[in-house]
Protein backbone atom coordinates (compact mmCIF):
# COMPACT_ATOMS: atom_id res chain seq x y z
CA MET A 1 -78.62 175.66 -86.46
CA ARG A 2 -75.15 176.96 -87.14
CA ASN A 3 -74.45 180.42 -88.44
CA GLN A 4 -72.01 180.14 -91.30
CA GLU A 5 -69.88 183.25 -91.77
CA SER A 6 -68.30 184.03 -95.11
CA GLY A 7 -65.34 186.27 -95.91
CA PHE A 8 -61.61 186.26 -96.38
CA THR A 9 -59.08 185.32 -93.77
CA LEU A 10 -56.36 187.69 -92.75
CA ILE A 11 -53.75 185.50 -94.45
CA GLU A 12 -55.64 185.63 -97.77
CA LEU A 13 -55.87 189.42 -97.61
CA ILE A 14 -52.15 189.77 -96.84
CA ALA A 15 -51.29 187.43 -99.75
CA VAL A 16 -53.32 189.57 -102.17
CA ILE A 17 -51.69 192.78 -100.92
CA VAL A 18 -48.21 191.26 -101.35
CA ILE A 19 -49.01 190.15 -104.90
CA LEU A 20 -50.36 193.61 -105.79
CA GLY A 21 -47.22 195.19 -104.33
CA ILE A 22 -44.97 193.00 -106.46
CA LEU A 23 -46.94 193.83 -109.60
CA ALA A 24 -46.82 197.56 -108.83
CA ALA A 25 -43.07 197.44 -108.17
CA THR A 26 -42.42 195.92 -111.60
CA ALA A 27 -44.80 198.27 -113.47
CA VAL A 28 -43.74 201.62 -111.96
CA PRO A 29 -40.25 201.77 -113.57
CA LYS A 30 -41.85 201.32 -117.01
CA PHE A 31 -43.96 204.44 -116.51
CA ILE A 32 -41.18 206.53 -114.97
CA ASP A 33 -38.82 206.07 -117.95
CA LEU A 34 -41.34 207.07 -120.61
CA SER A 35 -39.99 210.65 -120.87
CA GLY A 36 -36.77 209.46 -122.48
CA ALA A 37 -38.68 207.39 -125.01
CA ALA A 38 -40.95 210.37 -125.73
CA GLN A 39 -37.96 212.65 -126.41
CA THR A 40 -36.43 210.06 -128.76
CA ALA A 41 -39.75 209.69 -130.58
CA ALA A 42 -40.11 213.48 -130.90
CA THR A 43 -36.64 213.76 -132.44
CA LYS A 44 -37.37 210.96 -134.91
CA ASN A 45 -40.71 212.56 -135.82
CA VAL A 46 -39.12 215.94 -136.54
CA ALA A 47 -36.45 214.23 -138.67
CA GLY A 48 -39.17 212.38 -140.59
CA SER A 49 -41.08 215.60 -141.18
CA ILE A 50 -37.98 217.29 -142.56
CA GLU A 51 -37.27 214.31 -144.85
CA SER A 52 -40.85 214.36 -146.20
CA ALA A 53 -40.70 218.12 -146.74
CA SER A 54 -37.39 217.68 -148.58
CA SER A 55 -38.98 215.18 -150.96
CA LEU A 56 -41.86 217.55 -151.67
CA ASN A 57 -39.45 220.45 -152.19
CA HIS A 58 -37.45 218.31 -154.64
CA ALA A 59 -40.62 217.52 -156.59
CA VAL A 60 -41.46 221.23 -156.86
CA ASP A 61 -37.86 221.93 -157.96
CA ILE A 62 -38.19 219.40 -160.80
CA ALA A 63 -41.63 220.72 -161.80
CA ARG A 64 -40.32 224.31 -161.88
CA GLU A 65 -37.38 223.33 -164.08
CA ALA A 66 -39.79 221.58 -166.46
CA GLY A 67 -41.96 224.70 -166.56
CA LEU A 68 -44.94 222.91 -165.05
CA THR A 69 -45.40 225.16 -162.02
CA THR A 70 -44.42 228.44 -160.47
CA ASP A 71 -44.97 227.23 -156.91
CA PRO A 72 -42.41 228.53 -154.39
CA MET A 73 -39.58 226.27 -153.26
CA THR A 74 -36.73 226.47 -150.77
CA ASP A 75 -33.10 226.47 -151.89
CA ILE A 76 -31.18 223.71 -150.10
CA ALA A 77 -27.37 223.83 -150.18
CA ASN A 78 -26.67 222.69 -146.59
CA CYS A 79 -28.34 220.49 -143.99
CA THR A 80 -29.02 223.58 -141.90
CA ASP A 81 -31.21 224.95 -144.72
CA ALA A 82 -33.71 222.19 -143.90
CA TRP A 83 -35.33 224.41 -141.27
CA GLY A 84 -36.73 226.49 -144.13
CA LEU A 85 -38.81 223.49 -145.19
CA LEU A 86 -40.81 223.51 -141.95
CA GLU A 87 -43.52 226.03 -141.30
CA GLY A 88 -42.21 228.32 -138.58
CA GLY A 89 -38.56 227.42 -139.19
CA ALA A 90 -36.18 226.10 -136.55
CA LEU A 91 -37.54 224.42 -133.45
CA ALA A 92 -36.35 225.19 -129.92
CA ASN A 93 -34.10 222.48 -128.40
CA PHE A 94 -33.25 221.03 -131.84
CA THR A 95 -30.16 221.61 -133.99
CA ILE A 96 -28.99 220.23 -137.32
CA THR A 97 -25.36 219.35 -137.97
CA ALA A 98 -24.08 221.28 -140.99
CA ALA A 99 -23.14 219.40 -144.18
CA ALA A 100 -23.08 220.66 -147.76
CA VAL A 101 -25.40 219.20 -150.39
CA ALA A 102 -25.31 219.82 -154.14
CA ASP A 103 -28.36 220.44 -156.32
CA LYS A 104 -30.29 217.16 -156.85
CA ALA A 105 -27.81 215.28 -154.61
CA THR A 106 -28.83 213.45 -151.45
CA VAL A 107 -27.02 213.70 -148.13
CA THR A 108 -27.68 212.16 -144.72
CA CYS A 109 -28.07 214.85 -142.07
CA THR A 110 -28.16 214.55 -138.28
CA LEU A 111 -30.81 216.16 -136.10
CA ASN A 112 -29.86 216.69 -132.46
CA GLY A 113 -32.80 216.86 -130.07
CA PRO A 114 -33.40 217.34 -126.35
CA SER A 115 -31.47 215.27 -123.80
CA GLY A 116 -28.89 214.15 -126.35
CA THR A 117 -31.33 212.37 -128.66
CA THR A 118 -30.35 212.15 -132.32
CA ALA A 119 -31.96 211.06 -135.57
CA THR A 120 -30.83 211.06 -139.19
CA PHE A 121 -32.76 212.10 -142.26
CA LEU A 122 -32.12 212.30 -145.99
CA LEU A 123 -32.02 215.76 -147.54
CA ILE A 124 -32.16 216.46 -151.28
CA GLY A 125 -30.36 219.55 -152.54
CA ALA A 126 -32.37 222.11 -154.50
CA SER A 127 -31.49 225.31 -156.32
CA SER A 128 -33.91 227.70 -157.96
CA THR A 129 -31.18 229.07 -160.23
């Protein structure tokens, strides 16, 4: 009777290790560069939040002028006034490029974020007077 041994040969084990090494070498750079993508996404998200808040502020402005509400609103005459639309105001590491905007007019503003990331957003002018 022969004893039959089972298992992997050394060559098979080395082949598997080489394949795993190649896969790891191609996947690692994807994970290392995620911080840049995260900063870009954060800048775009802040810009989107400001744009949404601007639309809501514009709706309150129209409702106040029609005498439908006495809810508070934020006067917007410049892109930099957009910080007043966010709870807590300006965010660290973010700046907004100044640009004038008239009441009820729309202007495209630029938000500058960390590591040179930028995003644009639409801002609607509002005046309580």
